[in-house]
C-alpha atoms as a PDB file:
ATOM      1  CA  MET A   1       5.206   8.898   3.165  1.00  0.00           C
ATOM      2  CA  GLN A   2       3.842  11.472   5.728  1.00  0.00           C
ATOM      3  CA  SER A   3       2.006  12.815   2.514  1.00  0.00           C
ATOM      4  CA  GLN A   4       0.141   9.692   1.751  1.00  0.00           C
ATOM      5  CA  VAL A   5      -0.677   9.357   5.551  1.00  0.00           C
ATOM      6  CA  ARG A   6      -2.020  13.183   5.472  1.00  0.00           C
ATOM      7  CA  SER A   7      -4.102  12.352   1.648  1.00  0.00           C
ATOM      8  CA  GLN A   8      -5.359   8.993   3.132  1.00  0.00           C
ATOM      9  CA  TYR A   9      -6.516  10.510   6.209  1.00  0.00           C
ATOM     10  CA  ARG A  10      -8.263  13.543   4.405  1.00  0.00           C
ATOM     11  CA  GLY A  11     -10.054  10.924   2.209  1.00  0.00           C
ATOM     12  CA  LEU A  12     -11.195   9.381   5.366  1.00  0.00           C
ATOM     13  CA  LEU A  13     -12.746  12.454   6.612  1.00  0.00           C
ATOM     14  CA  ARG A  14     -14.415  13.183   3.402  1.00  0.00           C
ATOM     15  CA  ALA A  15     -16.096   9.878   3.158  1.00  0.00           C
ATOM     16  CA  ILE A  16     -17.240  10.019   6.676  1.00  0.00           C
ATOM     17  CA  ASN A  17     -18.547  13.443   5.979  1.00  0.00           C
ATOM     18  CA  THR A  18     -20.380  12.269   2.626  1.00  0.00           C
ATOM     19  CA  VAL A  19     -22.014   9.284   4.300  1.00  0.00           C
ATOM     20  CA  PHE A  20     -23.046  10.939   7.673  1.00  0.00           C
ATOM     21  CA  GLY A  21     -24.020  14.253   5.969  1.00  0.00           C
ATOM     22  CA  LYS A  22     -26.478  15.708   8.495  1.00  0.00           C
ATOM     23  CA  ASP A  23     -26.318  12.783  11.290  1.00  0.00           C
ATOM     24  CA  MET A  24     -24.028  15.109  13.725  1.00  0.00           C
ATOM     25  CA  VAL A  25     -23.596  12.288  16.274  1.00  0.00           C
ATOM     26  CA  ALA A  26     -22.523   9.618  13.979  1.00  0.00           C
ATOM     27  CA  LYS A  27     -20.372  11.917  11.958  1.00  0.00           C
ATOM     28  CA  VAL A  28     -18.447  13.493  15.434  1.00  0.00           C
ATOM     29  CA  GLY A  29     -18.271  10.476  16.954  1.00  0.00           C
ATOM     30  CA  ALA A  30     -16.908   8.887  13.325  1.00  0.00           C
ATOM     31  CA  GLN A  31     -14.082  12.339  13.231  1.00  0.00           C
ATOM     32  CA  GLN A  32     -13.401  11.688  16.576  1.00  0.00           C
ATOM     33  CA  THR A  33     -12.671   7.842  16.343  1.00  0.00           C
ATOM     34  CA  ALA A  34     -10.278   8.513  13.168  1.00  0.00           C
ATOM     35  CA  ARG A  35      -8.386  11.520  14.812  1.00  0.00           C
ATOM     36  CA  ALA A  36      -7.635   9.095  18.220  1.00  0.00           C
ATOM     37  CA  GLU A  37      -6.279   6.554  16.040  1.00  0.00           C
ATOM     38  CA  MET A  38      -4.277   8.831  14.043  1.00  0.00           C
ATOM     39  CA  ASP A  39      -2.776  10.410  17.664  1.00  0.00           C
ATOM     40  CA  LYS A  40      -2.575   6.556  19.029  1.00  0.00           C
ATOM     41  CA  ASN A  41       0.061   5.940  15.807  1.00  0.00           C
ATOM     42  CA  ARG A  42       1.798   9.439  15.624  1.00  0.00           C
ATOM     43  CA  GLY A  43       5.288   7.970  16.631  1.00  0.00           C
ATOM     44  CA  LEU A  44       5.280   5.218  14.129  1.00  0.00           C
ATOM     45  CA  VAL A  45       8.693   5.276  12.199  1.00  0.00           C
ATOM     46  CA  ASP A  46       8.589   1.831  10.811  1.00  0.00           C
ATOM     47  CA  PRO A  47       7.725   2.120   7.118  1.00  0.00           C
ATOM     48  CA  ALA A  48       6.233  -1.441   6.855  1.00  0.00           C
ATOM     49  CA  GLN A  49       4.000  -0.202   9.845  1.00  0.00           C
ATOM     50  CA  ILE A  50       3.193   2.691   8.444  1.00  0.00           C
ATOM     51  CA  GLY A  51       1.973   1.200   5.289  1.00  0.00           C
ATOM     52  CA  LYS A  52      -0.097  -1.190   6.593  1.00  0.00           C
ATOM     53  CA  LEU A  53      -2.208   1.295   8.602  1.00  0.00           C
ATOM     54  CA  ILE A  54      -2.496   3.225   4.939  1.00  0.00           C
ATOM     55  CA  ASP A  55      -4.119   0.368   3.925  1.00  0.00           C
ATOM     56  CA  GLU A  56      -6.174  -0.295   6.509  1.00  0.00           C
ATOM     57  CA  MET A  57      -7.300   3.830   6.400  1.00  0.00           C
ATOM     58  CA  GLU A  58      -8.173   2.796   2.755  1.00  0.00           C
ATOM     59  CA  ASP A  59     -10.381  -0.416   3.967  1.00  0.00           C
ATOM     60  CA  VAL A  60     -12.543   1.651   6.101  1.00  0.00           C
ATOM     61  CA  ARG A  61     -12.922   4.539   4.034  1.00  0.00           C
ATOM     62  CA  SER A  62     -14.041   2.290   1.351  1.00  0.00           C
ATOM     63  CA  PHE A  63     -16.048   0.222   3.976  1.00  0.00           C
ATOM     64  CA  ILE A  64     -17.922   3.568   4.984  1.00  0.00           C
ATOM     65  CA  LEU A  65     -18.623   4.335   1.359  1.00  0.00           C
ATOM     66  CA  THR A  66     -20.053   0.977   0.638  1.00  0.00           C
ATOM     67  CA  GLN A  67     -21.531  -0.639   3.479  1.00  0.00           C
ATOM     68  CA  VAL A  68     -22.812   2.040   5.329  1.00  0.00           C
ATOM     69  CA  VAL A  69     -26.452   3.664   4.631  1.00  0.00           C
ATOM     70  CA  GLN A  70     -28.230   6.239   6.433  1.00  0.00           C
ATOM     71  CA  ALA A  71     -31.831   6.742   7.288  1.00  0.00           C
ATOM     72  CA  GLU A  72     -33.922   9.127   7.653  1.00  0.00           C
ATOM     73  CA  VAL A  73     -37.678   9.415   9.313  1.00  0.00           C
ATOM     74  CA  ASN A  74     -40.078  11.233   6.679  1.00  0.00           C
ATOM     75  CA  GLU A  75     -42.160  13.889   7.832  1.00  0.00           C
ATOM     76  CA  ASP A  76     -45.123  12.144   9.221  1.00  0.00           C
ATOM     77  CA  SER A  77     -42.600  10.223  11.606  1.00  0.00           C
ATOM     78  CA  THR A  78     -44.316   6.900  10.271  1.00  0.00           C
ATOM     79  CA  HIS A  79     -41.370   5.201   7.765  1.00  0.00           C
ATOM     80  CA  VAL A  80     -37.657   5.351   7.429  1.00  0.00           C
ATOM     81  CA  VAL A  81     -36.751   6.657   4.400  1.00  0.00           C
ATOM     82  CA  LEU A  82     -33.095   5.411   3.145  1.00  0.00           C
ATOM     83  CA  LYS A  83     -31.156   8.006   1.469  1.00  0.00           C
ATOM     84  CA  PRO A  84     -28.484   6.774  -1.022  1.00  0.00           C
ATOM     85  CA  LYS A  85     -25.448   8.834  -0.744  1.00  0.00           C
ATOM     86  CA  GLN A  86     -23.437  10.678  -3.529  1.00  0.00           C
ATOM     87  CA  ARG A  87     -20.200   8.595  -3.937  1.00  0.00           C
ATOM     88  CA  HIS A  88     -16.996  11.022  -3.877  1.00  0.00           C
ATOM     89  CA  SER A  89     -14.928   7.825  -5.146  1.00  0.00           C
ATOM     90  CA  THR A  90     -15.717   6.068  -8.668  1.00  0.00           C
ATOM     91  CA  ASP A  91     -14.521   2.839  -7.152  1.00  0.00           C
ATOM     92  CA  ALA A  92     -16.844   2.990  -4.169  1.00  0.00           C
ATOM     93  CA  LYS A  93     -19.646   1.514  -5.111  1.00  0.00           C
ATOM     94  CA  THR A  94     -22.842  -0.055  -3.326  1.00  0.00           C
ATOM     95  CA  PRO A  95     -23.365  -3.794  -3.397  1.00  0.00           C
ATOM     96  CA  SER A  96     -26.597  -2.828  -5.783  1.00  0.00           C
ATOM     97  CA  GLU A  97     -24.429  -0.613  -7.647  1.00  0.00           C
ATOM     98  CA  ALA A  98     -21.807  -3.066  -8.211  1.00  0.00           C
ATOM     99  CA  GLY A  99     -24.289  -5.579  -9.386  1.00  0.00           C
ATOM    100  CA  ASN A 100     -24.456  -7.796  -6.668  1.00  0.00           C
ATOM    101  CA  SER A 101     -27.495  -9.630  -6.261  1.00  0.00           C
ATOM    102  CA  ASN A 102     -26.587 -12.002  -3.401  1.00  0.00           C
ATOM    103  CA  PHE A 103     -25.166  -8.959  -0.911  1.00  0.00           C
ATOM    104  CA  ASN A 104     -26.980 -10.106   2.528  1.00  0.00           C
ATOM    105  CA  GLY A 105     -25.468  -7.423   4.946  1.00  0.00           C
END
């Protein structure tokens, strides 16, 4: 089960790096939050609780990849330009990529 936890944690860190890219404040904050959660749950031994946390990490990874959009100010500082990010996971699509035209978030 330890290998599953490590794998899921690495996947979460990759998602954070992919989405937040050059936004160091957001990236470092998300990395610190992920690390704090890992440290908080380090002593867990119950397989059911560990499995639940693995599932929750996957949910967070998926949310970051599909629901978070970074923006950059253009060179003349007059417009914000949304920058779509390359996704590393084939199942991690934005709502528009998934064909959801009713997305309100």
